[in-house]
Amino acid sequence: MQNTTTPESSPSKLLEQVHDRIRVKHYSIRTESYYVQWIKQFIFHILRFKPPALAK
């Protein structure tokens, strides 16, 4: 069994899961794109402004 939580694959796997879940729930394409953009911005913000506790 492969480890799917590596730092390189984590955001893309997360976004794939979001796309799949939104499609299953039959949300609109605009809602899907908005959610994905929000998640990307959130991940960027967390990685850019890490609190010292996360830097360890």
Protein backbone atom coordinates (compact mmCIF):
# COMPACT_ATOMS: atom_id res chain seq x y z
CA MET A 1 0.00 0.00 0.00
CA GLN A 2 1.43 3.39 -1.02
CA ASN A 3 1.62 6.41 1.23
CA THR A 4 -0.60 9.03 -0.46
CA THR A 5 0.14 11.84 1.99
CA THR A 6 3.53 12.88 0.67
CA PRO A 7 4.03 16.66 0.52
CA GLU A 8 4.33 16.69 -3.28
CA SER A 9 1.10 14.81 -3.94
CA SER A 10 -1.00 16.03 -1.03
CA PRO A 11 -2.54 19.18 -2.56
CA SER A 12 -3.32 17.55 -5.91
CA LYS A 13 -4.85 14.52 -4.23
CA LEU A 14 -6.89 16.81 -2.01
CA LEU A 15 -8.13 18.80 -4.98
CA GLU A 16 -8.99 15.62 -6.86
CA GLN A 17 -11.03 14.49 -3.86
CA VAL A 18 -12.80 17.85 -3.73
CA HIS A 19 -13.62 17.66 -7.45
CA ASP A 20 -14.96 14.14 -7.07
CA ARG A 21 -17.02 14.92 -3.98
CA ILE A 22 -18.55 18.05 -5.53
CA ARG A 23 -19.44 16.13 -8.70
CA VAL A 24 -21.11 13.40 -6.67
CA LYS A 25 -23.19 16.05 -4.89
CA HIS A 26 -24.12 17.60 -8.28
CA TYR A 27 -22.93 21.10 -7.41
CA SER A 28 -22.53 23.61 -10.23
CA ILE A 29 -19.27 24.03 -12.11
CA ARG A 30 -18.87 27.55 -10.72
CA THR A 31 -19.26 26.29 -7.17
CA GLU A 32 -16.67 23.62 -7.85
CA SER A 33 -14.19 26.10 -9.26
CA TYR A 34 -14.79 28.53 -6.38
CA TYR A 35 -14.22 25.83 -3.75
CA VAL A 36 -11.04 24.65 -5.48
CA GLN A 37 -9.69 28.21 -5.74
CA TRP A 38 -10.47 28.85 -2.07
CA ILE A 39 -8.65 25.67 -1.03
CA LYS A 40 -5.63 26.56 -3.17
CA GLN A 41 -5.46 30.02 -1.60
CA PHE A 42 -5.81 28.55 1.88
CA ILE A 43 -3.00 26.04 1.28
CA PHE A 44 -0.78 28.78 -0.17
CA HIS A 45 -1.45 31.00 2.85
CA ILE A 46 -0.69 28.22 5.34
CA LEU A 47 2.54 27.26 3.55
CA ARG A 48 3.63 30.87 3.16
CA PHE A 49 2.90 32.08 6.70
CA LYS A 50 3.61 29.00 8.79
CA PRO A 51 3.38 29.52 12.52
CA PRO A 52 6.62 28.57 14.31
CA ALA A 53 4.92 25.48 15.74
CA LEU A 54 4.41 24.06 12.22
CA ALA A 55 7.98 24.79 11.16
CA LYS A 56 9.40 22.04 13.42
